[in-house]
Amino acid sequence: PRLAYAIERFDRDARGRRMHYEDLNQIAGQKSADKYDFHTSSWIAGVIAALCPPDDVDELVLGLVLGICIGNGDMHLKNWAVAYPDGQNARIAPLYDFVCTQAYVEKGKLPLSVGGENAFERIGKRAVVDLALAAEISSRRAATLARETVDAVSDLWPRFKSSVPDKTLVRAIDR
């Protein structure tokens, strides 16, 4: 049987009305084809810090580290966004198009560098600290959130992976 994943739309309010949102490629003023170019994860963090409340910066760091943990090499500018739930104030949008690309592109890299690194296996605390420093956000907070996320994934994944029927996906995330 074919599997499908359905998710509630984040660009609609409780009454189903459209909510304005912008992906980071739009905020950068770039063409769609440039979603992999010209910016880094530090730039994204700086934009979120400038537009959104501090908790949203934490959400970005958590999402970015989770994406690295699961091998998501598709975290380009169009897969990060801000929404305007009240029509005026920006909030980081929920994660979307979040996949383990390492299951299909084994030697893939991150499209946007993290602290100057694009290779999954080379991203550690130093890269997270460098990202934070470049974005002018708290490096101590970013490093703490990164460590907590890695610990949570390390704790939960062994218990969860036996329920994943796609063994290629399991091997990719294990890597």
N, C-alpha and C. Protein backbone atom coordinates (compact mmCIF):
# COMPACT_ATOMS: atom_id res chain seq x y z
N PRO A 1 0.82 -1.21 0.00
CA PRO A 1 0.00 0.00 0.00
C PRO A 1 0.86 1.26 0.00
N ARG A 2 0.37 2.28 -0.65
CA ARG A 2 1.07 3.55 -0.68
C ARG A 2 0.78 4.31 0.61
N LEU A 3 1.78 4.97 1.13
CA LEU A 3 1.63 5.74 2.35
C LEU A 3 1.50 7.22 2.01
N ALA A 4 0.75 7.93 2.80
CA ALA A 4 0.61 9.38 2.62
C ALA A 4 0.68 10.03 3.99
N TYR A 5 1.09 11.27 3.97
CA TYR A 5 1.18 12.04 5.21
C TYR A 5 0.31 13.27 5.04
N ALA A 6 -0.60 13.48 5.95
CA ALA A 6 -1.47 14.65 5.90
C ALA A 6 -1.18 15.53 7.10
N ILE A 7 -1.19 16.82 6.88
CA ILE A 7 -0.91 17.76 7.95
C ILE A 7 -1.91 18.91 7.86
N GLU A 8 -2.31 19.38 9.02
CA GLU A 8 -3.21 20.52 9.06
C GLU A 8 -2.49 21.75 8.51
N ARG A 9 -3.19 22.55 7.70
CA ARG A 9 -2.58 23.74 7.13
C ARG A 9 -2.30 24.76 8.22
N PHE A 10 -1.09 25.34 8.18
CA PHE A 10 -0.74 26.36 9.16
C PHE A 10 -1.06 27.75 8.65
N ASP A 11 -1.45 27.85 7.39
CA ASP A 11 -1.73 29.17 6.82
C ASP A 11 -3.23 29.51 6.84
N ARG A 12 -3.95 28.85 7.73
CA ARG A 12 -5.37 29.14 7.92
C ARG A 12 -5.63 29.33 9.42
N ASP A 13 -6.53 30.25 9.75
CA ASP A 13 -6.86 30.43 11.16
C ASP A 13 -7.94 29.42 11.57
N ALA A 14 -8.42 29.52 12.80
CA ALA A 14 -9.40 28.56 13.33
C ALA A 14 -10.69 28.53 12.51
N ARG A 15 -11.01 29.63 11.85
CA ARG A 15 -12.23 29.68 11.02
C ARG A 15 -11.97 29.31 9.56
N GLY A 16 -10.74 28.93 9.25
CA GLY A 16 -10.41 28.55 7.89
C GLY A 16 -10.01 29.71 7.00
N ARG A 17 -9.91 30.91 7.57
CA ARG A 17 -9.51 32.07 6.78
C ARG A 17 -8.01 32.05 6.53
N ARG A 18 -7.64 32.53 5.38
CA ARG A 18 -6.24 32.56 4.98
C ARG A 18 -5.43 33.47 5.89
N MET A 19 -4.25 32.99 6.30
CA MET A 19 -3.33 33.77 7.12
C MET A 19 -2.12 34.11 6.26
N HIS A 20 -1.67 35.35 6.32
CA HIS A 20 -0.51 35.74 5.53
C HIS A 20 0.75 35.09 6.09
N TYR A 21 1.59 34.61 5.20
CA TYR A 21 2.90 34.14 5.60
C TYR A 21 3.87 34.38 4.46
N GLU A 22 5.15 34.43 4.80
CA GLU A 22 6.20 34.63 3.82
C GLU A 22 7.31 33.62 4.08
N ASP A 23 7.76 32.97 3.01
CA ASP A 23 8.92 32.11 3.22
C ASP A 23 10.17 32.99 3.21
N LEU A 24 11.27 32.45 3.70
CA LEU A 24 12.48 33.25 3.84
C LEU A 24 13.08 33.64 2.49
N ASN A 25 12.77 32.89 1.45
CA ASN A 25 13.23 33.27 0.12
C ASN A 25 12.52 34.55 -0.33
N GLN A 26 11.23 34.66 -0.02
CA GLN A 26 10.49 35.89 -0.33
C GLN A 26 11.05 37.06 0.47
N ILE A 27 11.31 36.83 1.75
CA ILE A 27 11.86 37.89 2.60
C ILE A 27 13.22 38.35 2.05
N ALA A 28 13.98 37.41 1.49
CA ALA A 28 15.28 37.76 0.91
C ALA A 28 15.13 38.50 -0.42
N GLY A 29 13.90 38.50 -0.97
CA GLY A 29 13.67 39.16 -2.25
C GLY A 29 14.28 38.41 -3.42
N GLN A 30 14.34 37.09 -3.31
CA GLN A 30 14.97 36.26 -4.33
C GLN A 30 13.94 35.54 -5.18
N LYS A 31 14.37 35.12 -6.36
CA LYS A 31 13.57 34.26 -7.22
C LYS A 31 13.52 32.87 -6.60
N SER A 32 12.46 32.13 -6.88
CA SER A 32 12.32 30.77 -6.34
C SER A 32 13.53 29.90 -6.64
N ALA A 33 14.09 30.05 -7.83
CA ALA A 33 15.24 29.24 -8.23
C ALA A 33 16.47 29.49 -7.36
N ASP A 34 16.49 30.60 -6.64
CA ASP A 34 17.64 30.95 -5.81
C ASP A 34 17.51 30.50 -4.36
N LYS A 35 16.56 29.63 -4.07
CA LYS A 35 16.28 29.23 -2.68
C LYS A 35 17.46 28.54 -1.99
N TYR A 36 18.41 28.04 -2.76
CA TYR A 36 19.59 27.38 -2.19
C TYR A 36 20.80 28.31 -2.11
N ASP A 37 20.64 29.53 -2.57
CA ASP A 37 21.79 30.41 -2.79
C ASP A 37 21.76 31.68 -1.95
N PHE A 38 22.94 32.23 -1.76
CA PHE A 38 23.17 33.58 -1.24
C PHE A 38 23.01 33.76 0.26
N HIS A 39 22.45 32.81 0.98
CA HIS A 39 22.24 32.98 2.42
C HIS A 39 22.62 31.73 3.19
N THR A 40 22.68 31.87 4.51
CA THR A 40 23.06 30.76 5.40
C THR A 40 21.97 30.59 6.46
N SER A 41 22.13 29.56 7.25
CA SER A 41 21.22 29.36 8.38
C SER A 41 21.36 30.49 9.39
N SER A 42 22.54 31.08 9.50
CA SER A 42 22.73 32.23 10.39
C SER A 42 21.87 33.41 9.94
N TRP A 43 21.78 33.61 8.64
CA TRP A 43 20.94 34.69 8.12
C TRP A 43 19.49 34.45 8.51
N ILE A 44 19.03 33.20 8.37
CA ILE A 44 17.66 32.87 8.75
C ILE A 44 17.45 33.18 10.24
N ALA A 45 18.38 32.75 11.08
CA ALA A 45 18.27 33.00 12.52
C ALA A 45 18.21 34.50 12.81
N GLY A 46 19.01 35.27 12.12
CA GLY A 46 18.99 36.73 12.30
C GLY A 46 17.66 37.34 11.91
N VAL A 47 17.07 36.85 10.82
CA VAL A 47 15.76 37.35 10.38
C VAL A 47 14.70 37.00 11.42
N ILE A 48 14.70 35.76 11.88
CA ILE A 48 13.71 35.34 12.89
C ILE A 48 13.90 36.16 14.16
N ALA A 49 15.14 36.40 14.57
CA ALA A 49 15.40 37.21 15.77
C ALA A 49 14.91 38.64 15.60
N ALA A 50 15.02 39.18 14.39
CA ALA A 50 14.60 40.56 14.14
C ALA A 50 13.08 40.71 14.05
N LEU A 51 12.41 39.69 13.50
CA LEU A 51 10.98 39.81 13.24
C LEU A 51 10.07 39.19 14.29
N CYS A 52 10.57 38.19 15.00
CA CYS A 52 9.71 37.36 15.84
C CYS A 52 10.12 37.45 17.31
N PRO A 53 9.25 36.97 18.21
CA PRO A 53 9.59 36.92 19.63
C PRO A 53 10.75 35.95 19.90
N PRO A 54 11.44 36.12 21.03
CA PRO A 54 12.60 35.27 21.36
C PRO A 54 12.30 33.77 21.34
N ASP A 55 11.10 33.36 21.75
CA ASP A 55 10.77 31.93 21.73
C ASP A 55 10.85 31.35 20.33
N ASP A 56 10.60 32.19 19.32
CA ASP A 56 10.65 31.71 17.94
C ASP A 56 12.09 31.43 17.50
N VAL A 57 13.05 32.16 18.05
CA VAL A 57 14.45 31.87 17.76
C VAL A 57 14.79 30.48 18.32
N ASP A 58 14.29 30.19 19.51
CA ASP A 58 14.49 28.86 20.09
C ASP A 58 13.89 27.80 19.17
N GLU A 59 12.68 28.04 18.66
CA GLU A 59 12.01 27.10 17.76
C GLU A 59 12.85 26.86 16.51
N LEU A 60 13.45 27.91 15.98
CA LEU A 60 14.30 27.77 14.81
C LEU A 60 15.50 26.88 15.11
N VAL A 61 16.17 27.13 16.22
CA VAL A 61 17.34 26.33 16.58
C VAL A 61 16.93 24.87 16.77
N LEU A 62 15.82 24.64 17.47
CA LEU A 62 15.34 23.27 17.67
C LEU A 62 15.04 22.59 16.34
N GLY A 63 14.36 23.29 15.45
CA GLY A 63 14.01 22.72 14.15
C GLY A 63 15.24 22.45 13.29
N LEU A 64 16.16 23.37 13.31
CA LEU A 64 17.39 23.20 12.53
C LEU A 64 18.18 21.99 13.02
N VAL A 65 18.34 21.87 14.32
CA VAL A 65 19.09 20.73 14.88
C VAL A 65 18.34 19.42 14.63
N LEU A 66 17.03 19.43 14.78
CA LEU A 66 16.25 18.22 14.47
C LEU A 66 16.46 17.83 13.01
N GLY A 67 16.42 18.82 12.12
CA GLY A 67 16.64 18.52 10.70
C GLY A 67 18.00 17.90 10.44
N ILE A 68 19.01 18.38 11.13
CA ILE A 68 20.35 17.80 10.98
C ILE A 68 20.35 16.37 11.52
N CYS A 69 19.71 16.16 12.66
CA CYS A 69 19.66 14.82 13.26
C CYS A 69 18.98 13.80 12.34
N ILE A 70 17.94 14.21 11.63
CA ILE A 70 17.21 13.26 10.78
C ILE A 70 17.74 13.23 9.35
N GLY A 71 18.77 14.02 9.05
CA GLY A 71 19.35 14.00 7.71
C GLY A 71 18.52 14.74 6.68
N ASN A 72 17.97 15.89 7.05
CA ASN A 72 17.15 16.69 6.13
C ASN A 72 18.04 17.65 5.35
N GLY A 73 18.40 17.27 4.15
CA GLY A 73 19.20 18.11 3.27
C GLY A 73 18.37 19.02 2.41
N ASP A 74 17.12 19.24 2.78
CA ASP A 74 16.22 20.09 1.99
C ASP A 74 15.79 21.32 2.77
N MET A 75 16.60 21.76 3.72
CA MET A 75 16.24 22.93 4.53
C MET A 75 16.73 24.20 3.84
N HIS A 76 16.08 24.52 2.72
CA HIS A 76 16.42 25.72 1.96
C HIS A 76 15.51 26.87 2.38
N LEU A 77 15.69 28.03 1.77
CA LEU A 77 14.96 29.24 2.19
C LEU A 77 13.45 29.14 2.03
N LYS A 78 12.96 28.34 1.11
CA LYS A 78 11.51 28.23 0.93
C LYS A 78 10.89 27.26 1.94
N ASN A 79 11.71 26.55 2.71
CA ASN A 79 11.19 25.64 3.72
C ASN A 79 11.27 26.21 5.13
N TRP A 80 11.53 27.49 5.23
CA TRP A 80 11.45 28.22 6.50
C TRP A 80 10.55 29.43 6.22
N ALA A 81 9.66 29.73 7.13
CA ALA A 81 8.73 30.83 6.88
C ALA A 81 8.31 31.51 8.17
N VAL A 82 7.75 32.71 8.00
CA VAL A 82 7.10 33.40 9.12
C VAL A 82 5.63 33.58 8.73
N ALA A 83 4.78 33.48 9.72
CA ALA A 83 3.35 33.68 9.54
C ALA A 83 2.94 34.90 10.36
N TYR A 84 1.80 35.45 10.02
CA TYR A 84 1.26 36.62 10.71
C TYR A 84 -0.14 36.28 11.22
N PRO A 85 -0.23 35.51 12.32
CA PRO A 85 -1.52 35.03 12.80
C PRO A 85 -2.51 36.14 13.13
N ASP A 86 -2.00 37.29 13.60
CA ASP A 86 -2.90 38.40 13.93
C ASP A 86 -2.92 39.45 12.82
N GLY A 87 -2.27 39.15 11.70
CA GLY A 87 -2.24 40.08 10.58
C GLY A 87 -1.13 41.12 10.66
N GLN A 88 -0.40 41.17 11.78
CA GLN A 88 0.63 42.18 11.93
C GLN A 88 1.96 41.66 12.47
N ASN A 89 1.91 40.79 13.44
CA ASN A 89 3.12 40.36 14.13
C ASN A 89 3.60 39.01 13.61
N ALA A 90 4.88 38.97 13.25
CA ALA A 90 5.48 37.77 12.68
C ALA A 90 5.74 36.71 13.75
N ARG A 91 5.50 35.48 13.38
CA ARG A 91 5.83 34.31 14.20
C ARG A 91 6.45 33.27 13.27
N ILE A 92 7.39 32.50 13.76
CA ILE A 92 7.95 31.45 12.92
C ILE A 92 6.85 30.45 12.58
N ALA A 93 6.81 30.05 11.33
CA ALA A 93 5.80 29.08 10.89
C ALA A 93 6.21 27.69 11.36
N PRO A 94 5.24 26.80 11.53
CA PRO A 94 5.59 25.42 11.89
C PRO A 94 6.48 24.79 10.81
N LEU A 95 7.23 23.78 11.20
CA LEU A 95 8.07 23.07 10.24
C LEU A 95 7.20 22.44 9.16
N TYR A 96 7.66 22.51 7.93
CA TYR A 96 6.96 21.85 6.84
C TYR A 96 7.98 21.36 5.82
N ASP A 97 7.57 20.38 5.01
CA ASP A 97 8.45 19.75 4.03
C ASP A 97 9.73 19.29 4.72
N PHE A 98 9.56 18.65 5.85
CA PHE A 98 10.67 18.19 6.68
C PHE A 98 10.85 16.70 6.43
N VAL A 99 11.90 16.32 5.72
CA VAL A 99 12.09 14.94 5.30
C VAL A 99 13.54 14.51 5.52
N CYS A 100 13.76 13.21 5.53
CA CYS A 100 15.11 12.67 5.61
C CYS A 100 15.60 12.44 4.18
N THR A 101 16.27 13.42 3.62
CA THR A 101 16.79 13.28 2.26
C THR A 101 17.97 12.32 2.19
N GLN A 102 18.63 12.08 3.32
CA GLN A 102 19.78 11.17 3.35
C GLN A 102 19.38 9.74 2.97
N ALA A 103 18.09 9.42 3.04
CA ALA A 103 17.63 8.11 2.62
C ALA A 103 17.72 7.96 1.10
N TYR A 104 17.74 9.07 0.37
CA TYR A 104 17.75 9.05 -1.08
C TYR A 104 19.05 9.59 -1.67
N VAL A 105 19.68 10.51 -0.97
CA VAL A 105 20.93 11.12 -1.42
C VAL A 105 21.93 10.93 -0.28
N GLU A 106 22.54 9.76 -0.26
CA GLU A 106 23.37 9.35 0.88
C GLU A 106 24.51 10.32 1.20
N LYS A 107 25.13 10.88 0.21
CA LYS A 107 26.26 11.78 0.42
C LYS A 107 25.83 13.25 0.35
N GLY A 108 24.54 13.50 0.53
CA GLY A 108 24.02 14.86 0.44
C GLY A 108 24.54 15.76 1.54
N LYS A 109 24.41 17.04 1.31
CA LYS A 109 24.84 18.04 2.28
C LYS A 109 23.70 19.02 2.51
N LEU A 110 23.87 19.83 3.53
CA LEU A 110 22.89 20.88 3.80
C LEU A 110 22.99 21.97 2.74
N PRO A 111 21.87 22.48 2.27
CA PRO A 111 21.92 23.53 1.25
C PRO A 111 22.39 24.87 1.81
N LEU A 112 22.12 25.12 3.07
CA LEU A 112 22.52 26.37 3.72
C LEU A 112 23.44 26.02 4.88
N SER A 113 24.61 26.61 4.89
CA SER A 113 25.58 26.24 5.91
C SER A 113 25.12 26.59 7.32
N VAL A 114 25.63 25.82 8.25
CA VAL A 114 25.41 26.04 9.68
C VAL A 114 26.77 26.31 10.29
N GLY A 115 27.01 27.56 10.66
CA GLY A 115 28.32 27.91 11.21
C GLY A 115 29.46 27.61 10.25
N GLY A 116 29.21 27.77 8.97
CA GLY A 116 30.23 27.53 7.96
C GLY A 116 30.34 26.09 7.49
N GLU A 117 29.54 25.19 8.04
CA GLU A 117 29.59 23.77 7.68
C GLU A 117 28.35 23.37 6.88
N ASN A 118 28.56 22.50 5.87
CA ASN A 118 27.44 21.95 5.10
C ASN A 118 27.33 20.43 5.25
N ALA A 119 28.37 19.79 5.71
CA ALA A 119 28.37 18.33 5.85
C ALA A 119 27.73 17.96 7.19
N PHE A 120 26.73 17.09 7.14
CA PHE A 120 26.01 16.69 8.35
C PHE A 120 26.96 16.25 9.45
N GLU A 121 27.91 15.40 9.11
CA GLU A 121 28.79 14.80 10.12
C GLU A 121 29.77 15.80 10.74
N ARG A 122 29.90 16.97 10.15
CA ARG A 122 30.83 17.97 10.69
C ARG A 122 30.14 19.04 11.53
N ILE A 123 28.84 18.92 11.66
CA ILE A 123 28.12 19.93 12.43
C ILE A 123 28.03 19.48 13.88
N GLY A 124 28.63 20.26 14.74
CA GLY A 124 28.63 19.99 16.17
C GLY A 124 28.43 21.30 16.92
N LYS A 125 28.81 21.28 18.17
CA LYS A 125 28.62 22.46 19.03
C LYS A 125 29.28 23.71 18.43
N ARG A 126 30.49 23.57 17.91
CA ARG A 126 31.21 24.73 17.35
C ARG A 126 30.42 25.37 16.22
N ALA A 127 29.84 24.56 15.34
CA ALA A 127 29.06 25.10 14.23
C ALA A 127 27.81 25.84 14.73
N VAL A 128 27.18 25.29 15.76
CA VAL A 128 25.99 25.94 16.33
C VAL A 128 26.38 27.27 16.99
N VAL A 129 27.47 27.27 17.71
CA VAL A 129 27.95 28.51 18.34
C VAL A 129 28.29 29.54 17.27
N ASP A 130 28.97 29.12 16.20
CA ASP A 130 29.32 30.04 15.12
C ASP A 130 28.07 30.59 14.43
N LEU A 131 27.07 29.74 14.24
CA LEU A 131 25.79 30.20 13.68
C LEU A 131 25.21 31.30 14.57
N ALA A 132 25.16 31.04 15.85
CA ALA A 132 24.58 31.99 16.80
C ALA A 132 25.35 33.31 16.81
N LEU A 133 26.66 33.24 16.83
CA LEU A 133 27.46 34.46 16.84
C LEU A 133 27.22 35.28 15.57
N ALA A 134 27.17 34.61 14.42
CA ALA A 134 26.92 35.31 13.15
C ALA A 134 25.53 35.93 13.11
N ALA A 135 24.55 35.27 13.75
CA ALA A 135 23.17 35.77 13.77
C ALA A 135 22.92 36.77 14.89
N GLU A 136 23.92 36.93 15.77
CA GLU A 136 23.79 37.81 16.93
C GLU A 136 22.64 37.38 17.85
N ILE A 137 22.59 36.05 18.07
CA ILE A 137 21.67 35.49 19.06
C ILE A 137 22.55 34.84 20.13
N SER A 138 21.95 34.44 21.23
CA SER A 138 22.72 33.87 22.34
C SER A 138 23.36 32.54 21.93
N SER A 139 24.68 32.51 21.92
CA SER A 139 25.38 31.27 21.58
C SER A 139 25.21 30.23 22.68
N ARG A 140 25.17 30.69 23.92
CA ARG A 140 24.98 29.77 25.04
C ARG A 140 23.60 29.10 24.94
N ARG A 141 22.58 29.91 24.67
CA ARG A 141 21.22 29.37 24.54
C ARG A 141 21.13 28.42 23.35
N ALA A 142 21.72 28.79 22.21
CA ALA A 142 21.68 27.94 21.03
C ALA A 142 22.37 26.61 21.29
N ALA A 143 23.53 26.65 21.95
CA ALA A 143 24.26 25.42 22.25
C ALA A 143 23.47 24.53 23.22
N THR A 144 22.83 25.14 24.20
CA THR A 144 22.02 24.37 25.16
C THR A 144 20.84 23.71 24.45
N LEU A 145 20.13 24.48 23.61
CA LEU A 145 19.00 23.92 22.87
C LEU A 145 19.44 22.80 21.93
N ALA A 146 20.58 22.99 21.29
CA ALA A 146 21.11 21.96 20.39
C ALA A 146 21.41 20.68 21.16
N ARG A 147 22.07 20.81 22.29
CA ARG A 147 22.40 19.64 23.11
C ARG A 147 21.13 18.93 23.57
N GLU A 148 20.14 19.69 24.04
CA GLU A 148 18.88 19.10 24.49
C GLU A 148 18.17 18.37 23.35
N THR A 149 18.21 18.93 22.16
CA THR A 149 17.56 18.31 21.01
C THR A 149 18.27 17.01 20.62
N VAL A 150 19.59 17.06 20.55
CA VAL A 150 20.35 15.86 20.22
C VAL A 150 20.11 14.78 21.28
N ASP A 151 20.08 15.15 22.54
CA ASP A 151 19.82 14.18 23.61
C ASP A 151 18.42 13.57 23.47
N ALA A 152 17.44 14.42 23.17
CA ALA A 152 16.06 13.92 23.02
C ALA A 152 15.94 12.96 21.84
N VAL A 153 16.55 13.32 20.72
CA VAL A 153 16.51 12.44 19.54
C VAL A 153 17.24 11.14 19.85
N SER A 154 18.39 11.24 20.48
CA SER A 154 19.16 10.04 20.84
C SER A 154 18.39 9.13 21.78
N ASP A 155 17.58 9.71 22.65
CA ASP A 155 16.78 8.94 23.59
C ASP A 155 15.55 8.33 22.92
N LEU A 156 14.87 9.11 22.08
CA LEU A 156 13.59 8.67 21.51
C LEU A 156 13.72 7.79 20.27
N TRP A 157 14.70 8.07 19.43
CA TRP A 157 14.82 7.34 18.17
C TRP A 157 14.93 5.82 18.36
N PRO A 158 15.75 5.30 19.24
CA PRO A 158 15.82 3.84 19.38
C PRO A 158 14.47 3.20 19.73
N ARG A 159 13.65 3.92 20.47
CA ARG A 159 12.34 3.38 20.85
C ARG A 159 11.33 3.49 19.72
N PHE A 160 11.54 4.43 18.82
CA PHE A 160 10.57 4.72 17.77
C PHE A 160 10.87 3.99 16.46
N LYS A 161 12.15 3.75 16.17
CA LYS A 161 12.53 3.29 14.85
C LYS A 161 11.96 1.93 14.46
N SER A 162 11.66 1.06 15.41
CA SER A 162 11.09 -0.24 15.06
C SER A 162 9.69 -0.11 14.45
N SER A 163 9.05 1.04 14.65
CA SER A 163 7.72 1.26 14.07
C SER A 163 7.78 1.84 12.66
N VAL A 164 8.98 2.14 12.17
CA VAL A 164 9.13 2.72 10.83
C VAL A 164 9.32 1.58 9.84
N PRO A 165 8.37 1.41 8.89
CA PRO A 165 8.46 0.27 7.97
C PRO A 165 9.56 0.43 6.90
N ASP A 166 9.99 1.63 6.61
CA ASP A 166 10.99 1.88 5.57
C ASP A 166 12.39 1.72 6.16
N LYS A 167 13.01 0.58 5.91
CA LYS A 167 14.32 0.28 6.50
C LYS A 167 15.42 1.16 5.92
N THR A 168 15.27 1.63 4.69
CA THR A 168 16.24 2.57 4.11
C THR A 168 16.22 3.86 4.91
N LEU A 169 15.05 4.30 5.27
CA LEU A 169 14.90 5.51 6.08
C LEU A 169 15.53 5.30 7.46
N VAL A 170 15.29 4.16 8.06
CA VAL A 170 15.85 3.86 9.38
C VAL A 170 17.39 3.90 9.32
N ARG A 171 17.96 3.26 8.30
CA ARG A 171 19.42 3.25 8.18
C ARG A 171 19.98 4.67 7.97
N ALA A 172 19.28 5.47 7.19
CA ALA A 172 19.73 6.84 6.93
C ALA A 172 19.72 7.67 8.20
N ILE A 173 18.66 7.57 9.00
CA ILE A 173 18.59 8.34 10.25
C ILE A 173 19.61 7.80 11.24
N ASP A 174 19.81 6.48 11.28
CA ASP A 174 20.84 5.92 12.16
C ASP A 174 22.22 6.49 11.82
N ARG A 175 22.50 6.67 10.54
CA ARG A 175 23.78 7.26 10.12
C ARG A 175 23.91 8.66 10.67
